[in-house]
Amino acid sequence: MSALVLESLLSCPSCGHAQLETMPTDACQFFYECTACKLLMRPKAGDCCVFCSYGSVKCPPIQTQGGCCP
């Protein structure tokens, strides 16, 4: 079993800025504001959170259970 990864590099789909963020382990993060261009990022259709849509690592529930956030 691999270790749970709690940091993900979020990349803005508008300006390309990337920011390393710590993912919550007990909830989905539906919104994230880009620190560069201020775009309010939301999950893509079919994804449960911004980390699954724009992150370098999927959220903890997907990593451990393969299922969506609680």
Foldseek 3Di string as FASTA:
>chain_A
DDDFDQWWWFADPPPGDTDIDGADQQFAAQWDADPPPRDTDGADPPAQHSCCRGIPDHHRCCVPPVDHHD
